[in-house]
């Protein structure tokens, strides 16, 4: 999965953001939400999950106790499903734990579709999710794998790494290299 980071939040390009998060009915701790989400991805058959939020996490995947919650409560989870890259994202609710639980419940419902004998509907739903992606329209910061508010030196470093990785002589393609160059030009023009 190109340019996906666990921290800071790597929101999927083209997914609209919620302007006013609401209170949910989910009563869930961060640990229970994380474990439940990872369990549903595993049951679905998803592999290599990356849980992306604006909350720095310890090595065990839980937040530091002394840190206050970030301003952005959005959650995006990326994983591989049947050799395809998938993403689910939610920022509808007021806490990261609630947004993780929402994604968990969504995946649980999709698994239900498969269990109830209509698995071709689930495949069509995933195909529809993938059709929403358009790499050619990714924002500069998404292509470079940084936050839009990253310091200039971090953006420049990310550009150098992305340019090197995308270069055709180093395993990339001309299209990937051009995307990185266009992202750099877009960043410089702002």
Protein backbone atom coordinates (compact mmCIF):
# COMPACT_ATOMS: atom_id res chain seq x y z
CA UNK A 1 0.00 0.00 0.00
CA UNK A 2 1.72 3.12 -1.24
CA UNK A 3 2.20 6.07 1.10
CA UNK A 4 -0.04 4.77 3.90
CA UNK A 5 1.04 5.74 7.40
CA UNK A 6 -0.35 4.75 10.77
CA UNK A 7 0.52 8.23 12.11
CA UNK A 8 -0.37 10.88 11.14
CA UNK A 9 -3.80 10.08 9.73
CA UNK A 10 -3.66 9.13 6.06
CA UNK A 11 -7.23 9.94 4.94
CA UNK A 12 -8.21 8.26 1.64
CA UNK A 13 -8.23 10.64 -1.29
CA UNK A 14 -11.69 11.47 -2.56
CA UNK A 15 -13.50 10.51 0.67
CA UNK A 16 -15.48 13.48 2.02
CA UNK A 17 -14.86 14.57 5.60
CA UNK A 18 -17.59 15.00 8.22
CA UNK A 19 -17.99 18.63 9.23
CA UNK A 20 -19.68 18.01 12.61
CA UNK A 21 -18.96 14.70 14.34
CA UNK A 22 -21.81 13.41 16.48
CA UNK A 23 -22.09 11.45 19.71
CA UNK A 24 -22.52 7.73 19.11
CA UNK A 25 -24.15 4.98 21.14
CA UNK A 26 -20.92 2.99 21.14
CA UNK A 27 -19.54 2.45 24.63
CA UNK A 28 -16.06 1.22 23.78
CA UNK A 29 -12.48 1.61 24.97
CA UNK A 30 -9.63 2.25 22.57
CA UNK A 31 -8.21 -1.26 23.13
CA UNK A 32 -11.55 -3.01 22.61
CA UNK A 33 -12.25 -0.97 19.48
CA UNK A 34 -8.82 -1.75 18.00
CA UNK A 35 -9.03 -5.46 18.82
CA UNK A 36 -12.58 -5.75 17.50
CA UNK A 37 -11.69 -4.03 14.22
CA UNK A 38 -8.58 -6.15 13.65
CA UNK A 39 -10.59 -9.29 14.43
CA UNK A 40 -13.26 -8.40 11.84
CA UNK A 41 -10.60 -7.72 9.19
CA UNK A 42 -9.03 -11.11 9.97
CA UNK A 43 -12.42 -12.88 9.77
CA UNK A 44 -13.11 -11.19 6.44
CA UNK A 45 -9.81 -12.55 5.12
CA UNK A 46 -8.05 -9.19 5.08
CA UNK A 47 -4.27 -9.13 5.42
CA UNK A 48 -1.64 -6.56 6.36
CA UNK A 49 -3.92 -4.03 8.09
CA UNK A 50 -2.66 -0.50 8.72
CA UNK A 51 -4.74 1.51 11.18
CA UNK A 52 -4.19 5.21 10.50
CA UNK A 53 -5.12 7.95 13.01
CA UNK A 54 -3.76 11.25 14.31
CA UNK A 55 -3.05 9.64 17.66
CA UNK A 56 0.53 8.51 18.25
CA UNK A 57 0.50 4.94 19.55
CA UNK A 58 2.78 2.82 21.67
CA UNK A 59 4.36 -0.32 20.22
CA UNK A 60 1.37 -2.38 21.41
CA UNK A 61 -1.01 -0.23 19.32
CA UNK A 62 -2.63 1.62 22.24
CA UNK A 63 -2.43 5.38 22.82
CA UNK A 64 -0.11 6.93 25.36
CA UNK A 65 -2.05 7.57 28.59
CA UNK A 66 -0.63 11.07 29.06
CA UNK A 67 -1.57 12.45 25.66
CA UNK A 68 -4.75 14.38 25.04
CA UNK A 69 -6.96 13.22 22.16
CA UNK A 70 -6.06 14.81 18.81
CA UNK A 71 -8.29 17.40 17.15
CA UNK A 72 -8.95 15.07 14.20
CA UNK A 73 -10.84 11.97 15.37
CA UNK A 74 -10.86 10.34 11.92
CA UNK A 75 -9.80 6.74 11.39
CA UNK A 76 -8.78 4.97 8.20
CA UNK A 77 -7.91 1.29 7.99
CA UNK A 78 -6.09 -0.07 4.95
CA UNK A 79 -5.71 -3.77 4.21
CA UNK A 80 -5.31 -6.28 1.41
CA UNK A 81 -8.36 -8.35 0.48
CA UNK A 82 -8.13 -10.95 -2.29
CA UNK A 83 -4.96 -9.28 -3.63
CA UNK A 84 -6.65 -5.87 -3.78
CA UNK A 85 -5.94 -2.87 -1.60
CA UNK A 86 -8.96 -1.82 0.43
CA UNK A 87 -9.70 1.11 2.71
CA UNK A 88 -12.50 1.97 5.12
CA UNK A 89 -12.58 5.37 6.80
CA UNK A 90 -14.85 7.07 9.32
CA UNK A 91 -14.91 10.44 11.06
CA UNK A 92 -18.64 10.56 11.81
CA UNK A 93 -18.21 10.17 15.59
CA UNK A 94 -16.50 12.24 18.29
CA UNK A 95 -13.76 9.78 19.32
CA UNK A 96 -11.24 7.60 17.54
CA UNK A 97 -12.55 4.54 19.41
CA UNK A 98 -16.11 5.19 18.22
CA UNK A 99 -14.95 5.61 14.62
CA UNK A 100 -12.99 2.34 14.83
CA UNK A 101 -16.10 0.60 16.19
CA UNK A 102 -18.14 2.02 13.31
CA UNK A 103 -15.72 0.57 10.75
CA UNK A 104 -15.74 -2.75 12.64
CA UNK A 105 -19.56 -2.88 12.47
CA UNK A 106 -19.49 -2.05 8.76
CA UNK A 107 -17.09 -4.92 8.01
CA UNK A 108 -19.15 -7.21 10.24
CA UNK A 109 -22.25 -6.36 8.16
CA UNK A 110 -20.39 -7.06 4.91
CA UNK A 111 -19.27 -10.42 6.28
CA UNK A 112 -22.94 -11.10 7.09
CA UNK A 113 -23.82 -10.59 3.42
CA UNK A 114 -21.32 -13.29 2.53
CA UNK A 115 -22.58 -15.67 5.23
CA UNK A 116 -26.17 -15.21 4.08
CA UNK A 117 -25.36 -16.54 0.63
CA UNK A 118 -25.13 -13.35 -1.39
CA UNK A 119 -21.36 -13.12 -1.63
CA UNK A 120 -21.49 -11.79 -5.20
CA UNK A 121 -23.14 -8.66 -3.71
CA UNK A 122 -20.17 -8.23 -1.38
CA UNK A 123 -17.73 -8.56 -4.28
CA UNK A 124 -19.73 -5.97 -6.22
CA UNK A 125 -19.68 -3.63 -3.22
CA UNK A 126 -15.90 -3.93 -2.99
CA UNK A 127 -15.59 -3.37 -6.73
CA UNK A 128 -17.67 -0.23 -6.29
CA UNK A 129 -15.40 1.00 -3.48
CA UNK A 130 -12.38 0.49 -5.69
CA UNK A 131 -13.99 2.37 -8.56
CA UNK A 132 -14.07 5.47 -6.35
CA UNK A 133 -10.28 5.58 -6.27
CA UNK A 134 -8.49 7.66 -8.89
CA UNK A 135 -4.73 7.85 -8.38
CA UNK A 136 -4.33 10.58 -10.98
CA UNK A 137 -6.33 12.98 -8.78
CA UNK A 138 -4.53 12.41 -5.48
CA UNK A 139 -3.52 15.53 -3.58
CA UNK A 140 0.20 16.37 -3.48
CA UNK A 141 0.47 15.45 0.18
CA UNK A 142 -1.14 12.05 -0.39
CA UNK A 143 1.23 11.22 -3.25
CA UNK A 144 4.24 12.24 -1.16
CA UNK A 145 2.93 10.45 1.93
CA UNK A 146 2.90 13.45 4.26
CA UNK A 147 0.34 15.52 6.11
CA UNK A 148 -0.82 18.75 4.38
CA UNK A 149 0.59 20.65 7.38
CA UNK A 150 4.01 18.95 7.36
CA UNK A 151 7.08 21.18 7.71
CA UNK A 152 8.86 22.05 4.45
CA UNK A 153 11.93 19.94 5.28
CA UNK A 154 9.72 16.86 5.85
CA UNK A 155 7.93 17.43 2.54
CA UNK A 156 11.25 17.80 0.71
CA UNK A 157 12.59 14.61 2.32
CA UNK A 158 9.40 12.70 1.42
CA UNK A 159 9.64 14.01 -2.14
CA UNK A 160 13.24 12.77 -2.46
CA UNK A 161 12.26 9.32 -1.16
CA UNK A 162 9.16 9.08 -3.36
CA UNK A 163 11.08 10.28 -6.43
CA UNK A 164 13.75 7.65 -5.88
CA UNK A 165 11.23 4.84 -5.29
CA UNK A 166 9.14 5.80 -8.33
CA UNK A 167 12.06 6.16 -10.75
CA UNK A 168 11.84 3.63 -13.60
CA UNK A 169 15.52 2.68 -13.12
CA UNK A 170 14.76 1.67 -9.54
CA UNK A 171 11.62 -0.42 -10.09
CA UNK A 172 9.02 2.32 -10.51
CA UNK A 173 7.18 3.34 -13.65
CA UNK A 174 7.22 6.50 -15.75
CA UNK A 175 3.63 7.15 -14.66
CA UNK A 176 4.49 6.87 -10.95
CA UNK A 177 7.53 9.10 -11.40
CA UNK A 178 5.45 11.72 -13.20
CA UNK A 179 2.84 11.63 -10.41
CA UNK A 180 5.57 12.38 -7.85
CA UNK A 181 6.94 15.21 -9.99
CA UNK A 182 3.45 16.70 -10.41
CA UNK A 183 2.85 16.47 -6.66
CA UNK A 184 6.11 18.32 -5.99
CA UNK A 185 5.18 21.06 -8.48
CA UNK A 186 1.73 21.38 -6.85
CA UNK A 187 3.34 21.69 -3.40
CA UNK A 188 5.78 24.35 -4.62
CA UNK A 189 3.04 26.38 -6.29
CA UNK A 190 0.96 26.83 -3.15
